Amino acid sequence: MSCSESFSAKCDAVLKQYTKDHLVCPRCGADRYSMGFKSNMSQVLDDDGVFRNRDSVRCSCGWSGIVHGLVPHLEPLEKD
């Protein structure tokens, strides 16, 4: 595997995990919402070295923010 293939595989893995970690609305848990795409430049490392997707998101429950504000899908707790 070449250096560029290795880097590409690492980037793909990081983006796949990022998507899992920023998937649903933090208010209602919905995974369907409208998004406004800024550009590829909206997906950058912040000064602290953290990747943040800054594309806008608006959920039907009224919550709005950026993709980075979405949360992981949480499985409902099983009822006893």
Protein backbone atom coordinates (compact mmCIF):
# COMPACT_ATOMS: atom_id res chain seq x y z
CA MET A 1 0.00 0.00 0.00
CA SER A 2 1.43 3.36 -0.98
CA CYS A 3 1.63 6.33 1.35
CA SER A 4 -1.27 8.07 -0.42
CA GLU A 5 -3.41 4.91 -0.26
CA SER A 6 -2.64 4.59 3.45
CA PHE A 7 -3.53 8.25 4.05
CA SER A 8 -6.74 7.91 2.05
CA ALA A 9 -7.77 4.82 4.04
CA LYS A 10 -7.09 6.67 7.30
CA CYS A 11 -9.14 9.69 6.13
CA ASP A 12 -12.01 7.40 5.12
CA ALA A 13 -11.97 5.74 8.55
CA VAL A 14 -11.93 9.11 10.35
CA LEU A 15 -14.83 10.46 8.26
CA LYS A 16 -16.84 7.25 8.75
CA GLN A 17 -16.45 7.54 12.53
CA TYR A 18 -17.24 11.28 12.42
CA THR A 19 -20.50 10.51 10.61
CA LYS A 20 -21.45 7.94 13.28
CA ASP A 21 -20.65 10.46 16.04
CA HIS A 22 -22.68 13.29 14.43
CA LEU A 23 -25.80 11.57 13.15
CA VAL A 24 -29.02 12.70 14.85
CA CYS A 25 -30.69 15.83 16.20
CA PRO A 26 -29.63 16.45 19.81
CA ARG A 27 -33.12 17.66 20.73
CA CYS A 28 -35.44 15.00 19.29
CA GLY A 29 -33.17 12.25 17.93
CA ALA A 30 -34.36 12.60 14.34
CA ASP A 31 -32.00 11.44 11.61
CA ARG A 32 -33.82 13.38 8.87
CA TYR A 33 -33.19 17.11 8.65
CA SER A 34 -32.40 19.73 6.07
CA MET A 35 -28.81 20.65 5.45
CA GLY A 36 -27.21 23.66 3.85
CA PHE A 37 -23.87 22.94 2.26
CA LYS A 38 -21.31 25.72 2.41
CA SER A 39 -18.38 24.13 0.59
CA ASN A 40 -15.57 21.70 1.16
CA MET A 41 -13.84 24.50 3.03
CA SER A 42 -16.50 24.22 5.74
CA GLN A 43 -14.97 20.92 6.80
CA VAL A 44 -11.75 21.97 8.44
CA LEU A 45 -9.62 21.43 11.49
CA ASP A 46 -10.18 24.07 14.15
CA ASP A 47 -7.33 25.74 16.00
CA ASP A 48 -7.45 22.93 18.57
CA GLY A 49 -6.96 20.33 15.81
CA VAL A 50 -10.53 19.00 15.95
CA PHE A 51 -12.35 18.31 12.69
CA ARG A 52 -15.70 20.12 12.57
CA ASN A 53 -18.18 20.03 9.72
CA ARG A 54 -19.69 23.52 9.72
CA ASP A 55 -22.48 22.85 7.21
CA SER A 56 -25.79 24.08 8.60
CA VAL A 57 -28.55 21.77 9.81
CA ARG A 58 -32.21 22.49 10.60
CA CYS A 59 -34.48 19.86 12.15
CA SER A 60 -38.29 19.86 11.97
CA CYS A 61 -38.40 20.05 15.80
CA GLY A 62 -36.93 23.56 15.58
CA TRP A 63 -33.32 22.79 16.47
CA SER A 64 -30.73 24.32 14.18
CA GLY A 65 -26.96 24.34 14.24
CA ILE A 66 -24.06 22.79 12.38
CA VAL A 67 -23.36 19.16 11.54
CA HIS A 68 -20.80 19.05 14.36
CA GLY A 69 -23.67 19.72 16.80
CA LEU A 70 -25.44 16.48 15.87
CA VAL A 71 -25.04 13.56 18.26
CA PRO A 72 -24.57 9.79 17.87
CA HIS A 73 -27.64 7.63 17.42
CA LEU A 74 -28.47 6.24 20.81
CA GLU A 75 -30.32 2.96 21.09
CA PRO A 76 -33.44 3.23 23.24
CA LEU A 77 -33.14 1.70 26.68
CA GLU A 78 -34.79 -1.68 27.01
CA LYS A 79 -37.82 -1.69 29.25
CA ASP A 80 -37.85 -4.26 32.05
